[in-house]
Structure formats: structure tokens, C-alpha cells
Amino acid sequence: MSYVDNIVPDVPFEGRQRRPSVREAGEAIRAWFSSMMERWRAHRADKRAMRHLRQLSDHTLRDIGIDRSEISSMVVHGRSGRRSRA
């Protein structure tokens, strides 16, 4: 038995978290990276949709029921996030 075996037990005691294995750490990093890439793709898609809507004429926007000031809100939140007009 070495000095290190006395300091760091093989069996974690109550209240101490087990260190993740290299495989678990790699999986966590891949999951984080995939999540970040998906968020980036969604952000780019939102920006693209806003750019296309801003290029439409006021008449066309009115036909589809969107005011120019609502474009970003409509893209991000959809119709459910829209304020009702009184």
C-alpha cells in the first residue's frame, strides 16, 4: 500500500463526489459542444429569417399580419409571444 492509497481511497466516502472518467468527461464535452452548435445554428436561422422579413415591403408584411416593429419578436417568440392589439 502506497502513501497515495492512504490519502485517496478507492471507494468514495459519503458526501464526496466521484471523479468522472475520461470517457464520461469526453461525452460531457461533446454534449456541451453539440448544444452550443445547435444554439448557434438556431441563432443564425433566426437572424436569416429576420433579414428576409425586413426586406419585405410594408404592404406584404401587413398582408401576413406582421407590423415591421414586431419582426424580431415574431421570429424569436412566434405568434404566442405576440401582444394582443386592443
Protein backbone atom coordinates (compact mmCIF):
# COMPACT_ATOMS: atom_id res chain seq x y z
CA MET A 1 0.00 0.00 0.00
CA SER A 2 1.43 3.33 -1.01
CA TYR A 3 1.15 6.74 0.57
CA VAL A 4 -1.34 7.85 -2.15
CA ASP A 5 -3.65 4.90 -1.39
CA ASN A 6 -3.96 6.14 2.16
CA ILE A 7 -4.82 9.69 1.07
CA VAL A 8 -7.22 8.99 -1.83
CA PRO A 9 -9.40 5.98 -1.09
CA ASP A 10 -10.68 3.80 -3.96
CA VAL A 11 -14.19 3.86 -2.55
CA PRO A 12 -15.61 7.37 -2.26
CA PHE A 13 -16.90 8.16 1.18
CA GLU A 14 -20.33 9.66 1.76
CA GLY A 15 -20.56 13.26 0.65
CA ARG A 16 -17.65 13.05 -1.78
CA GLN A 17 -18.33 13.02 -5.49
CA ARG A 18 -16.59 10.53 -7.73
CA ARG A 19 -14.30 11.99 -10.38
CA PRO A 20 -15.66 11.43 -13.86
CA SER A 21 -13.77 9.02 -16.07
CA VAL A 22 -12.03 10.23 -19.20
CA ARG A 23 -14.84 8.72 -21.29
CA GLU A 24 -17.53 10.49 -19.22
CA ALA A 25 -15.64 13.78 -19.45
CA GLY A 26 -15.30 13.36 -23.21
CA GLU A 27 -19.01 12.64 -23.56
CA ALA A 28 -19.85 15.71 -21.47
CA ILE A 29 -17.61 17.89 -23.63
CA ARG A 30 -19.16 16.51 -26.83
CA ALA A 31 -22.66 17.11 -25.45
CA TRP A 32 -21.75 20.67 -24.47
CA PHE A 33 -20.20 21.34 -27.88
CA SER A 34 -23.23 19.87 -29.70
CA SER A 35 -25.54 22.02 -27.59
CA MET A 36 -23.53 25.14 -28.37
CA MET A 37 -23.51 24.34 -32.09
CA GLU A 38 -27.27 23.80 -32.09
CA ARG A 39 -27.81 27.13 -30.31
CA TRP A 40 -25.53 28.84 -32.84
CA ARG A 41 -27.43 27.28 -35.77
CA ALA A 42 -30.77 28.38 -34.29
CA HIS A 43 -29.41 31.90 -33.77
CA ARG A 44 -28.20 32.05 -37.39
CA ALA A 45 -31.58 30.79 -38.64
CA ASP A 46 -33.36 33.49 -36.60
CA LYS A 47 -31.05 36.17 -38.00
CA ARG A 48 -31.67 34.91 -41.53
CA ALA A 49 -35.46 34.95 -41.02
CA MET A 50 -35.33 38.49 -39.63
CA ARG A 51 -33.22 39.66 -42.55
CA HIS A 52 -35.70 38.19 -45.05
CA LEU A 53 -38.72 39.67 -43.28
CA ARG A 54 -37.07 43.11 -43.09
CA GLN A 55 -36.60 43.02 -46.87
CA LEU A 56 -40.35 42.65 -47.44
CA SER A 57 -42.48 45.69 -48.20
CA ASP A 58 -44.84 47.15 -45.60
CA HIS A 59 -47.77 46.04 -47.75
CA THR A 60 -46.58 42.41 -47.79
CA LEU A 61 -45.92 42.43 -44.05
CA ARG A 62 -49.40 43.83 -43.46
CA ASP A 63 -50.84 41.02 -45.63
CA ILE A 64 -49.25 38.37 -43.41
CA GLY A 65 -50.29 40.23 -40.26
CA ILE A 66 -46.92 41.46 -39.01
CA ASP A 67 -46.01 45.02 -38.19
CA ARG A 68 -42.40 45.97 -39.00
CA SER A 69 -41.74 46.66 -35.30
CA GLU A 70 -42.81 43.08 -34.43
CA ILE A 71 -40.40 41.23 -36.73
CA SER A 72 -37.77 40.24 -34.16
CA SER A 73 -40.38 39.33 -31.56
CA MET A 74 -42.29 37.20 -34.06
CA VAL A 75 -39.14 35.35 -35.13
CA VAL A 76 -37.93 34.68 -31.60
CA HIS A 77 -41.26 34.02 -29.82
CA GLY A 78 -43.69 33.27 -32.64
CA ARG A 79 -47.32 34.29 -32.55
CA SER A 80 -47.74 33.04 -28.97
CA GLY A 81 -45.38 35.77 -27.72
CA ARG A 82 -47.24 38.49 -29.60
CA ARG A 83 -49.03 41.19 -27.68
CA SER A 84 -52.73 41.42 -28.40
CA ARG A 85 -53.90 44.59 -30.02
CA ALA A 86 -56.77 46.37 -28.35
